[in-house]
N, C-alpha and C. Protein backbone atom coordinates (compact mmCIF):
# COMPACT_ATOMS: atom_id res chain seq x y z
N UNK A 1 47.12 24.03 6.29
CA UNK A 1 47.62 22.70 6.00
C UNK A 1 48.96 22.51 6.68
N UNK A 2 49.22 21.30 7.16
CA UNK A 2 50.46 21.00 7.86
C UNK A 2 51.66 21.11 6.92
N UNK A 3 52.75 21.66 7.44
CA UNK A 3 53.95 21.83 6.64
C UNK A 3 55.05 20.87 7.04
N UNK A 4 55.06 20.40 8.29
CA UNK A 4 56.11 19.51 8.75
C UNK A 4 56.07 18.19 7.99
N UNK A 5 57.25 17.64 7.73
CA UNK A 5 57.34 16.38 6.99
C UNK A 5 56.96 15.21 7.88
N UNK A 6 56.58 14.12 7.26
CA UNK A 6 56.35 12.86 7.96
C UNK A 6 57.20 11.80 7.26
N UNK A 7 58.10 11.17 8.02
CA UNK A 7 58.94 10.09 7.50
C UNK A 7 58.59 8.82 8.24
N UNK A 8 58.67 7.72 7.53
CA UNK A 8 58.46 6.40 8.14
C UNK A 8 59.70 5.57 7.90
N UNK A 9 60.20 4.95 8.97
CA UNK A 9 61.28 3.97 8.87
C UNK A 9 60.66 2.63 9.21
N UNK A 10 60.61 1.73 8.24
CA UNK A 10 59.94 0.45 8.42
C UNK A 10 60.79 -0.66 7.83
N UNK A 11 60.34 -1.88 7.99
CA UNK A 11 61.02 -3.04 7.43
C UNK A 11 61.36 -4.03 8.51
N UNK A 12 61.76 -5.22 8.06
CA UNK A 12 62.06 -6.27 9.03
C UNK A 12 63.52 -6.26 9.48
N UNK A 13 64.27 -5.32 8.98
CA UNK A 13 65.68 -5.25 9.34
C UNK A 13 65.93 -4.48 10.62
N UNK A 14 67.14 -4.62 11.11
CA UNK A 14 67.58 -3.84 12.28
C UNK A 14 68.00 -2.47 11.79
N UNK A 15 67.79 -1.44 12.62
CA UNK A 15 68.31 -0.12 12.28
C UNK A 15 67.28 0.98 12.13
N UNK A 16 66.00 0.67 12.32
CA UNK A 16 64.97 1.71 12.19
C UNK A 16 65.12 2.77 13.28
N UNK A 17 65.22 2.33 14.52
CA UNK A 17 65.37 3.28 15.64
C UNK A 17 66.70 4.02 15.55
N UNK A 18 67.83 3.32 15.28
CA UNK A 18 69.08 4.06 15.13
C UNK A 18 69.05 5.09 14.00
N UNK A 19 68.35 4.79 12.91
CA UNK A 19 68.22 5.77 11.82
C UNK A 19 67.47 7.00 12.31
N UNK A 20 66.41 6.78 13.07
CA UNK A 20 65.65 7.90 13.62
C UNK A 20 66.51 8.70 14.60
N UNK A 21 67.31 8.01 15.41
CA UNK A 21 68.20 8.71 16.34
C UNK A 21 69.25 9.53 15.59
N UNK A 22 69.70 9.02 14.46
CA UNK A 22 70.63 9.79 13.63
C UNK A 22 70.00 11.09 13.15
N UNK A 23 68.75 11.03 12.73
CA UNK A 23 68.03 12.26 12.34
C UNK A 23 67.88 13.19 13.53
N UNK A 24 67.65 12.60 14.72
CA UNK A 24 67.53 13.42 15.93
C UNK A 24 68.84 14.18 16.18
N UNK A 25 69.97 13.51 16.03
CA UNK A 25 71.26 14.18 16.24
C UNK A 25 71.49 15.27 15.20
N UNK A 26 71.16 15.00 13.95
CA UNK A 26 71.30 16.03 12.91
C UNK A 26 70.45 17.25 13.24
N UNK A 27 69.23 17.02 13.67
CA UNK A 27 68.32 18.12 14.01
C UNK A 27 68.87 18.92 15.18
N UNK A 28 69.35 18.22 16.21
CA UNK A 28 69.91 18.91 17.38
C UNK A 28 71.16 19.72 17.01
N UNK A 29 71.97 19.19 16.10
CA UNK A 29 73.16 19.91 15.68
C UNK A 29 72.82 21.18 14.92
N UNK A 30 71.60 21.26 14.40
CA UNK A 30 71.13 22.48 13.73
C UNK A 30 70.54 23.47 14.73
N UNK A 31 70.64 23.16 16.02
CA UNK A 31 70.11 24.05 17.06
C UNK A 31 68.62 23.90 17.29
N UNK A 32 68.05 22.80 16.83
CA UNK A 32 66.62 22.58 16.99
C UNK A 32 66.36 21.56 18.10
N UNK A 33 65.09 21.46 18.50
CA UNK A 33 64.71 20.57 19.60
C UNK A 33 64.01 19.32 19.08
N UNK A 34 64.27 18.21 19.76
CA UNK A 34 63.73 16.91 19.38
C UNK A 34 63.07 16.27 20.60
N UNK A 35 61.91 15.68 20.39
CA UNK A 35 61.26 14.86 21.41
C UNK A 35 61.13 13.46 20.83
N UNK A 36 61.58 12.47 21.59
CA UNK A 36 61.49 11.07 21.21
C UNK A 36 60.57 10.37 22.22
N UNK A 37 59.58 9.67 21.72
CA UNK A 37 58.71 8.87 22.59
C UNK A 37 58.83 7.43 22.11
N UNK A 38 59.30 6.56 23.03
CA UNK A 38 59.47 5.15 22.69
C UNK A 38 58.28 4.35 23.19
N UNK A 39 57.86 3.38 22.38
CA UNK A 39 56.76 2.49 22.73
C UNK A 39 57.21 1.04 22.60
N UNK A 40 56.56 0.17 23.35
CA UNK A 40 56.71 -1.29 23.27
C UNK A 40 58.09 -1.79 23.63
N UNK A 41 58.90 -0.98 24.28
CA UNK A 41 60.25 -1.38 24.65
C UNK A 41 60.47 -1.36 26.16
N UNK A 42 59.39 -1.26 26.93
CA UNK A 42 59.55 -1.15 28.37
C UNK A 42 60.02 0.24 28.74
N UNK A 43 60.63 0.34 29.90
CA UNK A 43 61.08 1.65 30.38
C UNK A 43 62.16 2.25 29.50
N UNK A 44 62.93 1.37 28.87
CA UNK A 44 63.97 1.88 27.97
C UNK A 44 65.05 2.63 28.71
N UNK A 45 65.86 3.38 27.99
CA UNK A 45 67.00 4.08 28.58
C UNK A 45 66.69 5.52 29.01
N UNK A 46 65.45 5.82 29.35
CA UNK A 46 65.04 7.20 29.60
C UNK A 46 65.83 7.89 30.72
N UNK A 47 66.32 7.13 31.66
CA UNK A 47 67.02 7.75 32.79
C UNK A 47 68.54 7.68 32.66
N UNK A 48 69.05 7.41 31.49
CA UNK A 48 70.50 7.27 31.35
C UNK A 48 71.18 8.63 31.47
N UNK A 49 72.38 8.62 32.03
CA UNK A 49 73.18 9.84 32.16
C UNK A 49 73.49 10.43 30.78
N UNK A 50 73.76 9.56 29.81
CA UNK A 50 74.08 10.03 28.46
C UNK A 50 72.93 10.85 27.89
N UNK A 51 71.72 10.32 27.98
CA UNK A 51 70.58 11.04 27.41
C UNK A 51 70.29 12.34 28.16
N UNK A 52 70.53 12.36 29.45
CA UNK A 52 70.35 13.62 30.19
C UNK A 52 71.31 14.69 29.70
N UNK A 53 72.50 14.28 29.27
CA UNK A 53 73.46 15.25 28.73
C UNK A 53 73.01 15.80 27.38
N UNK A 54 72.12 15.10 26.70
CA UNK A 54 71.62 15.56 25.40
C UNK A 54 70.55 16.63 25.55
N UNK A 55 70.00 16.74 26.76
CA UNK A 55 68.95 17.73 26.98
C UNK A 55 69.57 19.12 27.05
N UNK A 56 68.89 20.16 26.66
CA UNK A 56 67.48 20.22 26.32
C UNK A 56 67.18 19.95 24.84
N UNK A 57 68.21 19.75 24.02
CA UNK A 57 67.97 19.59 22.59
C UNK A 57 67.21 18.31 22.25
N UNK A 58 67.55 17.20 22.91
CA UNK A 58 66.90 15.91 22.66
C UNK A 58 66.33 15.40 23.98
N UNK A 59 65.05 15.16 24.00
CA UNK A 59 64.38 14.63 25.19
C UNK A 59 63.72 13.31 24.84
N UNK A 60 63.97 12.30 25.67
CA UNK A 60 63.41 10.97 25.45
C UNK A 60 62.39 10.66 26.53
N UNK A 61 61.23 10.15 26.11
CA UNK A 61 60.17 9.78 27.04
C UNK A 61 59.75 8.34 26.80
N UNK A 62 59.59 7.60 27.88
CA UNK A 62 59.06 6.24 27.85
C UNK A 62 57.95 6.20 28.89
N UNK A 63 56.74 5.99 28.48
CA UNK A 63 55.62 6.01 29.39
C UNK A 63 55.33 4.65 30.01
N UNK A 64 55.90 3.62 29.44
CA UNK A 64 55.69 2.28 29.98
C UNK A 64 56.49 2.12 31.27
N UNK A 65 55.96 1.34 32.20
CA UNK A 65 56.58 1.19 33.52
C UNK A 65 57.35 -0.11 33.68
N UNK A 66 57.10 -1.08 32.83
CA UNK A 66 57.72 -2.39 32.95
C UNK A 66 59.16 -2.36 32.46
N UNK A 67 59.98 -3.19 33.08
CA UNK A 67 61.36 -3.36 32.61
C UNK A 67 61.42 -4.26 31.38
N UNK A 68 60.35 -5.02 31.15
CA UNK A 68 60.32 -5.99 30.07
C UNK A 68 59.69 -5.42 28.80
N UNK A 69 60.05 -6.02 27.69
CA UNK A 69 59.43 -5.72 26.41
C UNK A 69 57.95 -6.08 26.48
N UNK A 70 57.10 -5.33 25.82
CA UNK A 70 55.65 -5.51 25.85
C UNK A 70 55.24 -6.95 25.54
N UNK A 71 55.87 -7.56 24.55
CA UNK A 71 55.50 -8.91 24.12
C UNK A 71 55.70 -9.96 25.20
N UNK A 72 56.60 -9.71 26.14
CA UNK A 72 56.91 -10.70 27.19
C UNK A 72 56.00 -10.57 28.42
N UNK A 73 55.12 -9.58 28.43
CA UNK A 73 54.27 -9.34 29.60
C UNK A 73 53.06 -10.27 29.61
N UNK A 74 52.54 -10.52 30.81
CA UNK A 74 51.28 -11.26 30.95
C UNK A 74 50.15 -10.39 30.41
N UNK A 75 49.00 -10.99 30.15
CA UNK A 75 47.86 -10.24 29.63
C UNK A 75 47.44 -9.11 30.57
N UNK A 76 47.45 -9.37 31.89
CA UNK A 76 47.08 -8.33 32.85
C UNK A 76 48.06 -7.16 32.81
N UNK A 77 49.33 -7.48 32.76
CA UNK A 77 50.34 -6.41 32.72
C UNK A 77 50.30 -5.66 31.39
N UNK A 78 49.94 -6.36 30.31
CA UNK A 78 49.79 -5.68 29.02
C UNK A 78 48.68 -4.65 29.10
N UNK A 79 47.58 -4.99 29.75
CA UNK A 79 46.46 -4.05 29.89
C UNK A 79 46.89 -2.81 30.67
N UNK A 80 47.69 -3.00 31.72
CA UNK A 80 48.21 -1.86 32.49
C UNK A 80 49.11 -0.99 31.61
N UNK A 81 49.96 -1.64 30.82
CA UNK A 81 50.87 -0.88 29.96
C UNK A 81 50.13 -0.16 28.84
N UNK A 82 49.03 -0.72 28.38
CA UNK A 82 48.24 -0.05 27.34
C UNK A 82 47.75 1.30 27.84
N UNK A 83 47.39 1.39 29.11
CA UNK A 83 47.00 2.68 29.70
C UNK A 83 48.17 3.65 29.64
N UNK A 84 49.36 3.17 29.99
CA UNK A 84 50.56 4.02 29.94
C UNK A 84 50.88 4.44 28.50
N UNK A 85 50.73 3.51 27.58
CA UNK A 85 50.98 3.79 26.16
C UNK A 85 50.02 4.87 25.67
N UNK A 86 48.77 4.76 26.03
CA UNK A 86 47.78 5.77 25.61
C UNK A 86 48.11 7.14 26.20
N UNK A 87 48.66 7.16 27.41
CA UNK A 87 49.14 8.43 27.98
C UNK A 87 50.29 8.99 27.14
N UNK A 88 51.15 8.11 26.66
CA UNK A 88 52.24 8.54 25.78
C UNK A 88 51.72 9.14 24.48
N UNK A 89 50.66 8.56 23.94
CA UNK A 89 50.05 9.10 22.72
C UNK A 89 49.39 10.45 22.98
N UNK A 90 48.76 10.61 24.14
CA UNK A 90 48.18 11.92 24.50
C UNK A 90 49.28 12.97 24.59
N UNK A 91 50.40 12.58 25.17
CA UNK A 91 51.53 13.50 25.27
C UNK A 91 52.05 13.87 23.87
N UNK A 92 52.12 12.90 22.97
CA UNK A 92 52.57 13.17 21.60
C UNK A 92 51.64 14.18 20.92
N UNK A 93 50.33 14.01 21.11
CA UNK A 93 49.37 14.97 20.52
C UNK A 93 49.60 16.36 21.09
N UNK A 94 49.86 16.45 22.39
CA UNK A 94 50.12 17.75 23.03
C UNK A 94 51.39 18.38 22.45
N UNK A 95 52.42 17.58 22.28
CA UNK A 95 53.68 18.08 21.73
C UNK A 95 53.45 18.66 20.33
N UNK A 96 52.69 17.96 19.51
CA UNK A 96 52.41 18.44 18.16
C UNK A 96 51.51 19.67 18.17
N UNK A 97 50.49 19.66 19.02
CA UNK A 97 49.54 20.77 19.06
C UNK A 97 50.20 22.06 19.53
N UNK A 98 51.18 21.95 20.42
CA UNK A 98 51.82 23.15 20.97
C UNK A 98 53.08 23.54 20.21
N UNK A 99 53.52 22.69 19.27
CA UNK A 99 54.75 23.00 18.54
C UNK A 99 55.96 23.00 19.45
N UNK A 100 55.96 22.14 20.43
CA UNK A 100 56.99 22.09 21.47
C UNK A 100 58.37 21.72 20.94
N UNK A 101 58.43 21.08 19.78
CA UNK A 101 59.72 20.68 19.24
C UNK A 101 59.70 20.82 17.72
N UNK A 102 60.89 20.68 17.14
CA UNK A 102 61.02 20.75 15.69
C UNK A 102 60.88 19.37 15.05
N UNK A 103 61.21 18.32 15.82
CA UNK A 103 61.12 16.95 15.35
C UNK A 103 60.57 16.07 16.46
N UNK A 104 59.54 15.32 16.14
CA UNK A 104 58.96 14.35 17.07
C UNK A 104 59.16 12.97 16.48
N UNK A 105 59.81 12.10 17.25
CA UNK A 105 60.04 10.71 16.83
C UNK A 105 59.14 9.82 17.67
N UNK A 106 58.29 9.06 16.99
CA UNK A 106 57.40 8.10 17.66
C UNK A 106 57.94 6.71 17.35
N UNK A 107 58.84 6.25 18.22
CA UNK A 107 59.56 5.01 18.01
C UNK A 107 58.67 3.81 18.31
N UNK A 108 58.48 2.95 17.34
CA UNK A 108 57.63 1.74 17.40
C UNK A 108 56.14 2.05 17.43
N UNK A 109 55.74 3.22 17.00
CA UNK A 109 54.31 3.56 16.97
C UNK A 109 53.56 2.68 15.97
N UNK A 110 54.24 2.24 14.92
CA UNK A 110 53.57 1.37 13.95
C UNK A 110 53.19 0.03 14.58
N UNK A 111 53.95 -0.41 15.56
CA UNK A 111 53.60 -1.62 16.30
C UNK A 111 52.34 -1.43 17.12
N UNK A 112 52.10 -0.21 17.59
CA UNK A 112 50.87 0.07 18.33
C UNK A 112 49.65 -0.08 17.43
N UNK A 113 49.79 0.36 16.19
CA UNK A 113 48.69 0.23 15.23
C UNK A 113 48.48 -1.26 14.90
N UNK A 114 49.57 -1.95 14.66
CA UNK A 114 49.48 -3.38 14.33
C UNK A 114 48.78 -4.17 15.43
N UNK A 115 49.05 -3.84 16.69
CA UNK A 115 48.47 -4.56 17.82
C UNK A 115 47.06 -4.08 18.17
N UNK A 116 46.57 -3.06 17.46
CA UNK A 116 45.22 -2.56 17.73
C UNK A 116 45.14 -1.64 18.93
N UNK A 117 46.26 -1.20 19.45
CA UNK A 117 46.28 -0.29 20.61
C UNK A 117 45.92 1.12 20.16
N UNK A 118 46.40 1.49 18.98
CA UNK A 118 46.14 2.81 18.40
C UNK A 118 45.54 2.61 17.01
N UNK A 119 44.32 3.10 16.79
CA UNK A 119 43.73 2.99 15.44
C UNK A 119 44.43 3.92 14.44
N UNK A 120 44.41 3.53 13.18
CA UNK A 120 45.02 4.35 12.12
C UNK A 120 44.42 5.76 12.12
N UNK A 121 43.11 5.86 12.31
CA UNK A 121 42.46 7.18 12.30
C UNK A 121 43.00 8.09 13.41
N UNK A 122 43.30 7.51 14.56
CA UNK A 122 43.86 8.31 15.66
C UNK A 122 45.24 8.83 15.30
N UNK A 123 46.05 7.99 14.67
CA UNK A 123 47.38 8.42 14.24
C UNK A 123 47.26 9.51 13.18
N UNK A 124 46.35 9.34 12.25
CA UNK A 124 46.14 10.33 11.19
C UNK A 124 45.69 11.66 11.78
N UNK A 125 44.75 11.65 12.70
CA UNK A 125 44.27 12.88 13.34
C UNK A 125 45.40 13.59 14.07
N UNK A 126 46.22 12.82 14.76
CA UNK A 126 47.35 13.40 15.48
C UNK A 126 48.32 14.07 14.50
N UNK A 127 48.62 13.42 13.39
CA UNK A 127 49.56 13.98 12.42
C UNK A 127 49.03 15.25 11.76
N UNK A 128 47.73 15.36 11.64
CA UNK A 128 47.13 16.54 11.00
C UNK A 128 47.35 17.82 11.81
N UNK A 129 47.63 17.71 13.09
CA UNK A 129 47.82 18.91 13.90
C UNK A 129 49.30 19.28 14.05
N UNK A 130 50.16 18.78 13.17
CA UNK A 130 51.60 18.93 13.37
C UNK A 130 52.17 20.30 12.99
N UNK A 131 51.47 21.13 12.26
CA UNK A 131 52.00 22.44 11.83
C UNK A 131 53.38 22.26 11.20
N UNK A 132 54.43 22.91 11.77
CA UNK A 132 55.77 22.87 11.19
C UNK A 132 56.64 21.74 11.74
N UNK A 133 56.13 20.98 12.69
CA UNK A 133 56.91 19.93 13.33
C UNK A 133 57.07 18.73 12.39
N UNK A 134 58.31 18.30 12.22
CA UNK A 134 58.57 17.07 11.48
C UNK A 134 58.28 15.88 12.37
N UNK A 135 57.87 14.78 11.78
CA UNK A 135 57.53 13.58 12.55
C UNK A 135 58.16 12.37 11.88
N UNK A 136 58.76 11.50 12.70
CA UNK A 136 59.28 10.23 12.22
C UNK A 136 58.53 9.12 12.95
N UNK A 137 57.99 8.18 12.18
CA UNK A 137 57.31 7.02 12.73
C UNK A 137 58.18 5.80 12.43
N UNK A 138 58.37 4.92 13.43
CA UNK A 138 59.14 3.71 13.18
C UNK A 138 58.32 2.48 13.53
N UNK A 139 58.70 1.36 12.95
CA UNK A 139 58.08 0.08 13.25
C UNK A 139 58.21 -0.86 12.07
N UNK A 140 58.14 -2.15 12.36
CA UNK A 140 58.30 -3.17 11.32
C UNK A 140 57.06 -3.31 10.45
N UNK A 141 55.91 -2.97 10.97
CA UNK A 141 54.64 -3.18 10.27
C UNK A 141 54.20 -1.90 9.59
N UNK A 142 53.66 -2.00 8.39
CA UNK A 142 53.16 -0.83 7.68
C UNK A 142 52.01 -1.24 6.79
N UNK A 143 50.96 -0.40 6.75
CA UNK A 143 49.84 -0.65 5.86
C UNK A 143 49.67 0.56 4.94
N UNK A 144 48.89 0.38 3.88
CA UNK A 144 48.68 1.45 2.91
C UNK A 144 48.06 2.70 3.53
N UNK A 145 47.15 2.51 4.51
CA UNK A 145 46.48 3.65 5.14
C UNK A 145 47.46 4.55 5.89
N UNK A 146 48.53 3.98 6.39
CA UNK A 146 49.56 4.78 7.07
C UNK A 146 50.58 5.29 6.05
N UNK A 147 50.91 4.48 5.10
CA UNK A 147 51.90 4.85 4.09
C UNK A 147 51.53 6.15 3.39
N UNK A 148 50.25 6.35 3.10
CA UNK A 148 49.83 7.56 2.39
C UNK A 148 49.95 8.82 3.26
N UNK A 149 50.14 8.66 4.57
CA UNK A 149 50.30 9.81 5.46
C UNK A 149 51.70 10.39 5.40
N UNK A 150 52.63 9.65 4.81
CA UNK A 150 54.05 10.02 4.87
C UNK A 150 54.51 10.74 3.61
N UNK A 151 55.48 11.61 3.81
CA UNK A 151 56.17 12.26 2.69
C UNK A 151 57.26 11.34 2.14
N UNK A 152 57.84 10.53 3.02
CA UNK A 152 58.86 9.58 2.60
C UNK A 152 58.77 8.33 3.46
N UNK A 153 59.01 7.19 2.84
CA UNK A 153 59.03 5.91 3.53
C UNK A 153 60.35 5.24 3.21
N UNK A 154 61.09 4.89 4.26
CA UNK A 154 62.35 4.18 4.10
C UNK A 154 62.18 2.77 4.61
N UNK A 155 62.44 1.80 3.74
CA UNK A 155 62.34 0.40 4.14
C UNK A 155 63.73 -0.09 4.45
N UNK A 156 63.91 -0.56 5.67
CA UNK A 156 65.21 -0.99 6.14
C UNK A 156 65.21 -2.52 6.22
N UNK A 157 66.16 -3.12 5.52
CA UNK A 157 66.30 -4.56 5.51
C UNK A 157 67.69 -4.94 5.96
N UNK A 158 67.80 -6.06 6.63
CA UNK A 158 69.10 -6.55 7.03
C UNK A 158 69.60 -7.52 5.97
N UNK A 159 70.67 -7.15 5.31
CA UNK A 159 71.25 -8.03 4.29
C UNK A 159 72.12 -9.09 4.93
N UNK A 160 72.84 -8.72 5.97
CA UNK A 160 73.69 -9.65 6.67
C UNK A 160 73.85 -9.15 8.09
N UNK A 161 73.78 -10.04 9.04
CA UNK A 161 73.94 -9.64 10.44
C UNK A 161 75.01 -10.53 11.05
N UNK A 162 76.05 -9.92 11.54
CA UNK A 162 77.14 -10.67 12.15
C UNK A 162 77.44 -10.05 13.50
N UNK A 163 77.54 -10.87 14.49
CA UNK A 163 77.93 -10.40 15.81
C UNK A 163 79.45 -10.31 15.83
N UNK A 164 79.95 -9.15 16.18
CA UNK A 164 81.41 -8.94 16.24
C UNK A 164 82.00 -9.72 17.40
N UNK A 165 83.09 -10.37 17.17
CA UNK A 165 83.75 -11.16 18.22
C UNK A 165 84.96 -10.46 18.74
């Protein structure tokens, strides 16, 4: 039976991804390795100098090729990105199956389930092979079938949002 924890950061508020990144930093400070795979955010910051300095403890992967957020793409480009997203999910399964890291963060994976790109059963099967690896799932959408897969669920809400001047 799998021993690694599963945490979910969900809710309509801002801060789900930053909360997961905070856990990534805590894990890295303990001398452990973290793999982060971002979805639905385009190419993201995968090639930033800052993130390269975090390696080898924290590695970030973005399989999408577009500079734009998934929602802003045309239907044809969405279909192309879905292929890239599925490659990202295959990589996540490999990471869990090989125990390549101590913590795997699947940023916005819940959005993949909501959009029908990844079925709940596929996510469940992937989580079952996690052994000792902890997993964090993020996204605004959550259903009962996913909720029961988690050891803890954190709902993040924005009480007040102010842009600093």
